[in-house]
PDB file of N, CA and C in Angstrom:
ATOM      1  N   MET A   1       0.844  -1.163   0.000  1.00  0.00           N
ATOM      2  CA  MET A   1       0.000   0.000   0.000  1.00  0.00           C
ATOM      3  C   MET A   1       0.900   1.239   0.000  1.00  0.00           C
ATOM      4  N   THR A   2       0.668   2.114  -0.954  1.00  0.00           N
ATOM      5  CA  THR A   2       1.417   3.358  -1.056  1.00  0.00           C
ATOM      6  C   THR A   2       0.847   4.379  -0.082  1.00  0.00           C
ATOM      7  N   ILE A   3       1.750   5.080   0.605  1.00  0.00           N
ATOM      8  CA  ILE A   3       1.322   6.096   1.560  1.00  0.00           C
ATOM      9  C   ILE A   3       1.480   7.490   0.965  1.00  0.00           C
ATOM     10  N   GLU A   4       2.637   7.767   0.403  1.00  0.00           N
ATOM     11  CA  GLU A   4       2.932   9.080  -0.188  1.00  0.00           C
ATOM     12  C   GLU A   4       3.703   8.873  -1.488  1.00  0.00           C
ATOM     13  N   VAL A   5       3.483   9.781  -2.437  1.00  0.00           N
ATOM     14  CA  VAL A   5       4.247   9.775  -3.689  1.00  0.00           C
ATOM     15  C   VAL A   5       4.622  11.213  -3.993  1.00  0.00           C
ATOM     16  N   SER A   6       5.886  11.431  -4.368  1.00  0.00           N
ATOM     17  CA  SER A   6       6.345  12.762  -4.777  1.00  0.00           C
ATOM     18  C   SER A   6       7.258  12.598  -5.976  1.00  0.00           C
ATOM     19  N   GLU A   7       7.791  13.707  -6.459  1.00  0.00           N
ATOM     20  CA  GLU A   7       8.722  13.650  -7.584  1.00  0.00           C
ATOM     21  C   GLU A   7      10.014  12.933  -7.213  1.00  0.00           C
ATOM     22  N   ALA A   8      10.385  12.958  -5.950  1.00  0.00           N
ATOM     23  CA  ALA A   8      11.662  12.403  -5.519  1.00  0.00           C
ATOM     24  C   ALA A   8      11.562  10.959  -5.042  1.00  0.00           C
ATOM     25  N   GLY A   9      10.360  10.548  -4.613  1.00  0.00           N
ATOM     26  CA  GLY A   9      10.253   9.199  -4.095  1.00  0.00           C
ATOM     27  C   GLY A   9       8.881   8.900  -3.551  1.00  0.00           C
ATOM     28  N   MET A  10       8.808   7.860  -2.737  1.00  0.00           N
ATOM     29  CA  MET A  10       7.532   7.459  -2.183  1.00  0.00           C
ATOM     30  C   MET A  10       7.740   6.639  -0.926  1.00  0.00           C
ATOM     31  N   SER A  11       6.679   6.464  -0.174  1.00  0.00           N
ATOM     32  CA  SER A  11       6.728   5.548   0.964  1.00  0.00           C
ATOM     33  C   SER A  11       5.586   4.560   0.817  1.00  0.00           C
ATOM     34  N   ALA A  12       5.808   3.366   1.356  1.00  0.00           N
ATOM     35  CA  ALA A  12       4.818   2.307   1.213  1.00  0.00           C
ATOM     36  C   ALA A  12       4.943   1.314   2.354  1.00  0.00           C
ATOM     37  N   ILE A  13       3.831   0.664   2.641  1.00  0.00           N
ATOM     38  CA  ILE A  13       3.804  -0.444   3.584  1.00  0.00           C
ATOM     39  C   ILE A  13       3.928  -1.720   2.760  1.00  0.00           C
ATOM     40  N   LEU A  14       4.911  -2.553   3.086  1.00  0.00           N
ATOM     41  CA  LEU A  14       5.147  -3.796   2.347  1.00  0.00           C
ATOM     42  C   LEU A  14       5.047  -4.991   3.291  1.00  0.00           C
ATOM     43  N   PRO A  15       4.706  -6.164   2.759  1.00  0.00           N
ATOM     44  CA  PRO A  15       4.611  -7.360   3.607  1.00  0.00           C
ATOM     45  C   PRO A  15       5.969  -7.992   3.921  1.00  0.00           C
ATOM     46  N   VAL A  16       7.047  -7.364   3.458  1.00  0.00           N
ATOM     47  CA  VAL A  16       8.412  -7.849   3.713  1.00  0.00           C
ATOM     48  C   VAL A  16       9.260  -6.682   4.193  1.00  0.00           C
ATOM     49  N   GLU A  17      10.389  -6.983   4.811  1.00  0.00           N
ATOM     50  CA  GLU A  17      11.320  -5.935   5.223  1.00  0.00           C
ATOM     51  C   GLU A  17      12.496  -5.925   4.258  1.00  0.00           C
ATOM     52  N   LEU A  18      12.702  -4.797   3.589  1.00  0.00           N
ATOM     53  CA  LEU A  18      13.818  -4.641   2.660  1.00  0.00           C
ATOM     54  C   LEU A  18      14.955  -3.913   3.361  1.00  0.00           C
ATOM     55  N   PRO A  19      16.204  -4.287   3.067  1.00  0.00           N
ATOM     56  CA  PRO A  19      17.329  -3.601   3.710  1.00  0.00           C
ATOM     57  C   PRO A  19      17.535  -2.192   3.152  1.00  0.00           C
ATOM     58  N   VAL A  20      17.875  -1.269   4.028  1.00  0.00           N
ATOM     59  CA  VAL A  20      18.201   0.096   3.612  1.00  0.00           C
ATOM     60  C   VAL A  20      19.411   0.035   2.687  1.00  0.00           C
ATOM     61  N   GLY A  21      19.350   0.785   1.587  1.00  0.00           N
ATOM     62  CA  GLY A  21      20.429   0.818   0.611  1.00  0.00           C
ATOM     63  C   GLY A  21      20.198  -0.088  -0.588  1.00  0.00           C
ATOM     64  N   GLU A  22      19.230  -0.992  -0.501  1.00  0.00           N
ATOM     65  CA  GLU A  22      18.950  -1.913  -1.607  1.00  0.00           C
ATOM     66  C   GLU A  22      18.243  -1.185  -2.742  1.00  0.00           C
ATOM     67  N   THR A  23      18.617  -1.495  -3.980  1.00  0.00           N
ATOM     68  CA  THR A  23      17.947  -0.958  -5.160  1.00  0.00           C
ATOM     69  C   THR A  23      16.851  -1.937  -5.558  1.00  0.00           C
ATOM     70  N   VAL A  24      15.655  -1.391  -5.803  1.00  0.00           N
ATOM     71  CA  VAL A  24      14.499  -2.223  -6.129  1.00  0.00           C
ATOM     72  C   VAL A  24      13.782  -1.672  -7.360  1.00  0.00           C
ATOM     73  N   GLU A  25      12.956  -2.494  -7.967  1.00  0.00           N
ATOM     74  CA  GLU A  25      12.083  -2.081  -9.067  1.00  0.00           C
ATOM     75  C   GLU A  25      10.682  -1.937  -8.481  1.00  0.00           C
ATOM     76  N   LEU A  26      10.096  -0.745  -8.620  1.00  0.00           N
ATOM     77  CA  LEU A  26       8.752  -0.498  -8.119  1.00  0.00           C
ATOM     78  C   LEU A  26       7.769  -0.516  -9.274  1.00  0.00           C
ATOM     79  N   HIS A  27       6.661  -1.189  -9.088  1.00  0.00           N
ATOM     80  CA  HIS A  27       5.567  -1.200 -10.057  1.00  0.00           C
ATOM     81  C   HIS A  27       4.438  -0.404  -9.418  1.00  0.00           C
ATOM     82  N   ILE A  28       4.179   0.795  -9.951  1.00  0.00           N
ATOM     83  CA  ILE A  28       3.240   1.730  -9.334  1.00  0.00           C
ATOM     84  C   ILE A  28       2.006   1.861 -10.221  1.00  0.00           C
ATOM     85  N   ASN A  29       0.832   1.641  -9.648  1.00  0.00           N
ATOM     86  CA  ASN A  29      -0.432   1.836 -10.364  1.00  0.00           C
ATOM     87  C   ASN A  29      -0.946   3.236 -10.065  1.00  0.00           C
ATOM     88  N   LEU A  30      -0.987   4.081 -11.083  1.00  0.00           N
ATOM     89  CA  LEU A  30      -1.480   5.449 -10.953  1.00  0.00           C
ATOM     90  C   LEU A  30      -2.751   5.600 -11.781  1.00  0.00           C
ATOM     91  N   PRO A  31      -3.524   6.652 -11.555  1.00  0.00           N
ATOM     92  CA  PRO A  31      -4.787   6.826 -12.299  1.00  0.00           C
ATOM     93  C   PRO A  31      -4.617   6.796 -13.825  1.00  0.00           C
ATOM     94  N   PHE A  32      -3.481   7.243 -14.324  1.00  0.00           N
ATOM     95  CA  PHE A  32      -3.267   7.283 -15.775  1.00  0.00           C
ATOM     96  C   PHE A  32      -2.671   5.994 -16.321  1.00  0.00           C
ATOM     97  N   GLY A  33      -2.271   5.090 -15.445  1.00  0.00           N
ATOM     98  CA  GLY A  33      -1.683   3.832 -15.895  1.00  0.00           C
ATOM     99  C   GLY A  33      -0.588   3.362 -14.958  1.00  0.00           C
ATOM    100  N   GLU A  34       0.129   2.364 -15.386  1.00  0.00           N
ATOM    101  CA  GLU A  34       1.184   1.763 -14.574  1.00  0.00           C
ATOM    102  C   GLU A  34       2.544   2.359 -14.928  1.00  0.00           C
ATOM    103  N   VAL A  35       3.388   2.495 -13.905  1.00  0.00           N
ATOM    104  CA  VAL A  35       4.737   3.033 -14.086  1.00  0.00           C
ATOM    105  C   VAL A  35       5.706   2.114 -13.351  1.00  0.00           C
ATOM    106  N   ASP A  36       6.795   1.766 -14.003  1.00  0.00           N
ATOM    107  CA  ASP A  36       7.869   1.004 -13.367  1.00  0.00           C
ATOM    108  C   ASP A  36       9.047   1.938 -13.151  1.00  0.00           C
ATOM    109  N   MET A  37       9.543   1.975 -11.917  1.00  0.00           N
ATOM    110  CA  MET A  37      10.642   2.872 -11.571  1.00  0.00           C
ATOM    111  C   MET A  37      11.653   2.121 -10.713  1.00  0.00           C
ATOM    112  N   GLN A  38      12.928   2.421 -10.912  1.00  0.00           N
ATOM    113  CA  GLN A  38      13.945   1.919 -10.002  1.00  0.00           C
ATOM    114  C   GLN A  38      14.052   2.903  -8.847  1.00  0.00           C
ATOM    115  N   ALA A  39      14.264   2.350  -7.651  1.00  0.00           N
ATOM    116  CA  ALA A  39      14.368   3.190  -6.461  1.00  0.00           C
ATOM    117  C   ALA A  39      15.318   2.544  -5.463  1.00  0.00           C
ATOM    118  N   VAL A  40      15.789   3.367  -4.531  1.00  0.00           N
ATOM    119  CA  VAL A  40      16.676   2.901  -3.473  1.00  0.00           C
ATOM    120  C   VAL A  40      15.923   3.013  -2.149  1.00  0.00           C
ATOM    121  N   VAL A  41      16.002   1.972  -1.334  1.00  0.00           N
ATOM    122  CA  VAL A  41      15.391   2.011  -0.003  1.00  0.00           C
ATOM    123  C   VAL A  41      16.239   2.955   0.853  1.00  0.00           C
ATOM    124  N   ARG A  42      15.663   4.067   1.296  1.00  0.00           N
ATOM    125  CA  ARG A  42      16.398   5.060   2.079  1.00  0.00           C
ATOM    126  C   ARG A  42      16.108   4.966   3.569  1.00  0.00           C
ATOM    127  N   GLU A  43      14.932   4.454   3.926  1.00  0.00           N
ATOM    128  CA  GLU A  43      14.622   4.281   5.341  1.00  0.00           C
ATOM    129  C   GLU A  43      13.603   3.161   5.508  1.00  0.00           C
ATOM    130  N   ARG A  44      13.595   2.602   6.696  1.00  0.00           N
ATOM    131  CA  ARG A  44      12.643   1.535   7.002  1.00  0.00           C
ATOM    132  C   ARG A  44      12.286   1.590   8.475  1.00  0.00           C
ATOM    133  N   ASN A  45      11.016   1.479   8.758  1.00  0.00           N
ATOM    134  CA  ASN A  45      10.521   1.390  10.128  1.00  0.00           C
ATOM    135  C   ASN A  45       9.513   0.245  10.120  1.00  0.00           C
ATOM    136  N   ALA A  46       9.963  -0.928  10.550  1.00  0.00           N
ATOM    137  CA  ALA A  46       9.160  -2.161  10.485  1.00  0.00           C
ATOM    138  C   ALA A  46       8.816  -2.424   9.022  1.00  0.00           C
ATOM    139  N   PHE A  47       7.541  -2.358   8.649  1.00  0.00           N
ATOM    140  CA  PHE A  47       7.154  -2.660   7.271  1.00  0.00           C
ATOM    141  C   PHE A  47       6.923  -1.409   6.427  1.00  0.00           C
ATOM    142  N   ARG A  48       7.099  -0.219   7.022  1.00  0.00           N
ATOM    143  CA  ARG A  48       6.996   1.027   6.248  1.00  0.00           C
ATOM    144  C   ARG A  48       8.372   1.335   5.676  1.00  0.00           C
ATOM    145  N   HIS A  49       8.416   1.561   4.365  1.00  0.00           N
ATOM    146  CA  HIS A  49       9.675   1.818   3.662  1.00  0.00           C
ATOM    147  C   HIS A  49       9.622   3.167   2.960  1.00  0.00           C
ATOM    148  N   GLY A  50      10.736   3.882   2.971  1.00  0.00           N
ATOM    149  CA  GLY A  50      10.882   5.118   2.223  1.00  0.00           C
ATOM    150  C   GLY A  50      11.802   4.865   1.046  1.00  0.00           C
ATOM    151  N   PHE A  51      11.336   5.178  -0.158  1.00  0.00           N
ATOM    152  CA  PHE A  51      12.100   4.946  -1.385  1.00  0.00           C
ATOM    153  C   PHE A  51      12.457   6.263  -2.054  1.00  0.00           C
ATOM    154  N   GLU A  52      13.674   6.354  -2.553  1.00  0.00           N
ATOM    155  CA  GLU A  52      14.095   7.482  -3.387  1.00  0.00           C
ATOM    156  C   GLU A  52      14.206   6.969  -4.810  1.00  0.00           C
ATOM    157  N   PHE A  53      13.502   7.637  -5.746  1.00  0.00           N
ATOM    158  CA  PHE A  53      13.591   7.230  -7.138  1.00  0.00           C
ATOM    159  C   PHE A  53      15.021   7.384  -7.629  1.00  0.00           C
ATOM    160  N   ALA A  54      15.518   6.376  -8.339  1.00  0.00           N
ATOM    161  CA  ALA A  54      16.900   6.371  -8.796  1.00  0.00           C
ATOM    162  C   ALA A  54      17.140   7.448  -9.849  1.00  0.00           C
ATOM    163  N   ASP A  55      16.172   7.713 -10.700  1.00  0.00           N
ATOM    164  CA  ASP A  55      16.316   8.711 -11.757  1.00  0.00           C
ATOM    165  C   ASP A  55      15.239   9.778 -11.581  1.00  0.00           C
ATOM    166  N   HIS A  56      15.607  10.878 -10.949  1.00  0.00           N
ATOM    167  CA  HIS A  56      14.638  11.933 -10.653  1.00  0.00           C
ATOM    168  C   HIS A  56      14.056  12.550 -11.918  1.00  0.00           C
ATOM    169  N   LYS A  57      14.849  12.628 -12.983  1.00  0.00           N
ATOM    170  CA  LYS A  57      14.369  13.208 -14.238  1.00  0.00           C
ATOM    171  C   LYS A  57      13.233  12.361 -14.807  1.00  0.00           C
ATOM    172  N   VAL A  58      13.411  11.061 -14.816  1.00  0.00           N
ATOM    173  CA  VAL A  58      12.366  10.159 -15.309  1.00  0.00           C
ATOM    174  C   VAL A  58      11.133  10.247 -14.422  1.00  0.00           C
ATOM    175  N   ALA A  59      11.333  10.305 -13.105  1.00  0.00           N
ATOM    176  CA  ALA A  59      10.200  10.417 -12.177  1.00  0.00           C
ATOM    177  C   ALA A  59       9.413  11.695 -12.435  1.00  0.00           C
ATOM    178  N   ARG A  60      10.093  12.802 -12.655  1.00  0.00           N
ATOM    179  CA  ARG A  60       9.405  14.064 -12.941  1.00  0.00           C
ATOM    180  C   ARG A  60       8.583  13.951 -14.228  1.00  0.00           C
ATOM    181  N   GLN A  61       9.119  13.290 -15.227  1.00  0.00           N
ATOM    182  CA  GLN A  61       8.411  13.153 -16.501  1.00  0.00           C
ATOM    183  C   GLN A  61       7.203  12.236 -16.379  1.00  0.00           C
ATOM    184  N   ARG A  62       7.338  11.140 -15.639  1.00  0.00           N
ATOM    185  CA  ARG A  62       6.290  10.123 -15.584  1.00  0.00           C
ATOM    186  C   ARG A  62       5.249  10.347 -14.496  1.00  0.00           C
ATOM    187  N   ILE A  63       5.685  10.895 -13.356  1.00  0.00           N
ATOM    188  CA  ILE A  63       4.799  10.960 -12.197  1.00  0.00           C
ATOM    189  C   ILE A  63       4.344  12.371 -11.834  1.00  0.00           C
ATOM    190  N   ALA A  64       5.256  13.325 -11.846  1.00  0.00           N
ATOM    191  CA  ALA A  64       4.955  14.684 -11.353  1.00  0.00           C
ATOM    192  C   ALA A  64       3.715  15.323 -11.974  1.00  0.00           C
ATOM    193  N   PRO A  65       3.465  15.198 -13.282  1.00  0.00           N
ATOM    194  CA  PRO A  65       2.284  15.863 -13.842  1.00  0.00           C
ATOM    195  C   PRO A  65       0.969  15.396 -13.224  1.00  0.00           C
ATOM    196  N   TYR A  66       0.949  14.249 -12.579  1.00  0.00           N
ATOM    197  CA  TYR A  66      -0.286  13.692 -12.049  1.00  0.00           C
ATOM    198  C   TYR A  66      -0.416  13.835 -10.539  1.00  0.00           C
ATOM    199  N   LEU A  67       0.516  14.517  -9.908  1.00  0.00           N
ATOM    200  CA  LEU A  67       0.483  14.665  -8.462  1.00  0.00           C
ATOM    201  C   LEU A  67      -0.341  15.848  -7.992  1.00  0.00           C
ATOM    202  N   HIS A  68      -0.665  16.752  -8.869  1.00  0.00           N
ATOM    203  CA  HIS A  68      -1.371  17.978  -8.446  1.00  0.00           C
ATOM    204  C   HIS A  68      -2.848  17.897  -8.738  1.00  0.00           C
TER     205      HIS A  68
END
């Protein structure tokens, strides 16, 4: 379950614990369609994870127009 999404990253509750620093592929369902993004786990508190998108330019192009 996604909690927050921004141009720089997102946070989500996951059923697994990922290590901080790990690079992952995120599959995000947005109102306009699906987006796949690479991200780095920047923080973790139990099952809540904070992700930073690996390519901010791509994130701005794909996600930012739909956040407002």
